[in-house]
Every structure is written in C-alpha cells, then in structure tokens.
Amino acid sequence: MSARSKQHYALALIQKLFDNLPTDMTVGLLYDIGCQLHRSCLKYRLLDDAVLRRITFAISVFHAYGHQWACQIIYHPRKCEGFGLSDGEGCERLWSALKHLIAPLRVSGVSVSVSKMIAYEL
C-alpha cells in the first residue's frame, strides 16, 4: 500500500480546505502524525508546492512525546511559530464530551444481537 493511499483521507481534507481558502491564507495543521504526512508530501509530491508552502505541520502536544526527539524539535507546536498555546487536542475533547451519546445512537441489527448472545453463552 502506498503512502498516498494510507494518508488519503487527510490529504483529501487538506486539498478540499485549500480549494475553498483564499490563495494568500496559511494554515497550521496539528495532526497526530503530522511529521509523517509532511515527509510523505515532500517525498512523493502528494500536494502541490503552492499548497505545501502555505501549511505549517505540527504534532498535537499529547502525541509529540511519543515521537523521536528530532521530530519533537521540529514539529512540536510550542516550537512552531503561529500555534500559540493550542495543544491540538480539541477533537479529542469533543469526542470525550460526546461519548455518552455513543450507546443510544449505535445501530445494531438482529444478527448483531444474536451473535452477541451466542458469544455470551459460549
């Protein structure tokens, strides 16, 4: 599987974002694997140079400490200009706040319920 196909959703979102932004606007992108995405974009030319020049890649604060030291120095948001005190964990907080909705909204059919009962009996 190629780097492009593994990162397709992130690349598609970035491209769609830049299709709708003014050409002089820049974006700070906080992503758990922002370092890998940035390197893939450079190595495989996954985004146009005009788009790539307008992006500052960074890693969300929580995930940065799991990366190598060299990666932290380059991609930690506290080391990148323009991120301020943003930690990149806004979506994590949103999902945490919405987790009580998961069970009532989960869809399960008869086959799912039956298979769970059979598994429970075993």
Protein backbone atom coordinates (compact mmCIF):
# COMPACT_ATOMS: atom_id res chain seq x y z
CA MET A 1 0.00 0.00 0.00
CA SER A 2 1.43 3.38 -0.96
CA ALA A 3 1.91 6.36 1.34
CA ARG A 4 -0.73 8.22 -0.65
CA SER A 5 -3.42 5.59 -0.10
CA LYS A 6 -2.65 5.30 3.63
CA GLN A 7 -2.99 9.06 4.08
CA HIS A 8 -5.77 9.57 1.57
CA TYR A 9 -8.38 10.98 3.96
CA ALA A 10 -6.04 13.56 5.47
CA LEU A 11 -4.83 14.57 2.01
CA ALA A 12 -8.39 14.82 0.68
CA LEU A 13 -9.43 17.04 3.60
CA ILE A 14 -6.38 19.28 3.15
CA GLN A 15 -6.99 19.62 -0.58
CA LYS A 16 -10.68 20.43 -0.07
CA LEU A 17 -9.77 23.01 2.58
CA PHE A 18 -7.31 24.75 0.27
CA ASP A 19 -9.77 24.64 -2.62
CA ASN A 20 -12.01 26.89 -0.52
CA LEU A 21 -9.44 29.22 1.08
CA PRO A 22 -8.08 32.46 -0.33
CA THR A 23 -4.71 31.90 -2.01
CA ASP A 24 -2.87 34.11 0.47
CA MET A 25 -4.09 32.30 3.61
CA THR A 26 -1.79 29.97 5.56
CA VAL A 27 -2.80 27.04 7.75
CA GLY A 28 -1.27 25.48 10.85
CA LEU A 29 -2.02 21.76 10.74
CA LEU A 30 -1.92 19.85 14.04
CA TYR A 31 -2.10 16.11 13.35
CA ASP A 32 -1.03 13.09 15.40
CA ILE A 33 1.33 12.02 12.63
CA GLY A 34 1.89 15.43 11.06
CA CYS A 35 5.60 14.69 10.73
CA GLN A 36 4.95 11.59 8.59
CA LEU A 37 2.35 13.40 6.50
CA HIS A 38 4.75 16.29 5.88
CA ARG A 39 7.60 13.97 4.87
CA SER A 40 5.29 11.97 2.58
CA CYS A 41 4.07 15.15 0.92
CA LEU A 42 7.65 16.21 0.26
CA LYS A 43 8.92 12.79 -0.82
CA TYR A 44 6.00 11.74 -3.04
CA ARG A 45 4.80 15.24 -4.03
CA LEU A 46 1.30 14.46 -2.72
CA LEU A 47 0.26 18.13 -2.60
CA ASP A 48 1.05 20.99 -4.94
CA ASP A 49 4.01 23.13 -3.91
CA ALA A 50 1.69 26.15 -3.78
CA VAL A 51 -0.42 24.40 -1.14
CA LEU A 52 2.51 22.89 0.74
CA ARG A 53 4.19 26.29 1.17
CA ARG A 54 1.08 27.55 2.96
CA ILE A 55 0.99 24.76 5.58
CA THR A 56 2.88 24.59 8.86
CA PHE A 57 2.82 20.98 10.02
CA ALA A 58 2.89 20.13 13.73
CA ILE A 59 2.07 17.25 16.06
CA SER A 60 -0.56 17.52 18.77
CA VAL A 61 1.08 18.04 22.16
CA PHE A 62 -0.08 14.76 23.70
CA HIS A 63 1.27 12.70 20.78
CA ALA A 64 4.53 14.63 20.40
CA TYR A 65 6.12 12.91 23.37
CA GLY A 66 5.72 9.53 21.69
CA HIS A 67 7.82 10.69 18.75
CA GLN A 68 11.58 10.74 18.39
CA TRP A 69 13.47 13.68 19.86
CA ALA A 70 14.39 15.12 16.44
CA CYS A 71 10.74 15.01 15.43
CA GLN A 72 9.69 16.79 18.63
CA ILE A 73 12.18 19.60 17.99
CA ILE A 74 10.78 20.25 14.51
CA TYR A 75 7.07 19.50 14.87
CA HIS A 76 6.12 20.28 18.49
CA PRO A 77 3.59 23.15 18.39
CA ARG A 78 5.48 25.05 21.10
CA LYS A 79 8.47 25.08 18.74
CA CYS A 80 6.48 26.13 15.65
CA GLU A 81 5.50 29.72 15.03
CA GLY A 82 1.81 30.56 14.96
CA PHE A 83 0.30 27.86 17.19
CA GLY A 84 0.32 29.80 20.45
CA LEU A 85 -0.87 27.63 23.31
CA SER A 86 -3.04 25.37 21.17
CA ASP A 87 -2.44 21.74 22.07
CA GLY A 88 -4.13 20.12 19.06
CA GLU A 89 -6.41 18.00 21.24
CA GLY A 90 -9.68 19.84 20.52
CA CYS A 91 -11.21 16.89 18.65
CA GLU A 92 -10.20 14.54 21.47
CA ARG A 93 -12.04 16.77 23.94
CA LEU A 94 -15.08 16.92 21.64
CA TRP A 95 -15.24 13.11 21.34
CA SER A 96 -14.81 12.79 25.09
CA ALA A 97 -17.73 15.17 25.66
CA LEU A 98 -19.92 13.26 23.19
CA LYS A 99 -19.10 9.73 24.37
CA HIS A 100 -22.33 9.47 26.38
CA LEU A 101 -24.23 9.60 23.05
CA ILE A 102 -22.49 6.58 21.55
CA ALA A 103 -24.56 3.78 23.11
CA PRO A 104 -28.01 5.31 22.37
CA LEU A 105 -27.04 6.11 18.79
CA ARG A 106 -25.31 2.81 17.99
CA VAL A 107 -27.17 0.81 15.36
CA SER A 108 -27.39 -2.93 15.78
CA GLY A 109 -29.49 -5.35 13.86
CA VAL A 110 -30.92 -8.73 14.82
CA SER A 111 -27.83 -10.56 13.55
CA VAL A 112 -25.54 -8.47 15.77
CA SER A 113 -27.72 -9.10 18.83
CA VAL A 114 -27.98 -12.83 18.14
CA SER A 115 -24.23 -13.21 17.61
CA LYS A 116 -23.57 -11.37 20.88
CA MET A 117 -25.97 -13.68 22.74
CA ILE A 118 -24.35 -16.78 21.25
CA ALA A 119 -20.88 -15.49 22.14
CA TYR A 120 -22.08 -14.77 25.69
CA GLU A 121 -23.46 -18.28 26.10
CA LEU A 122 -20.18 -19.84 24.98
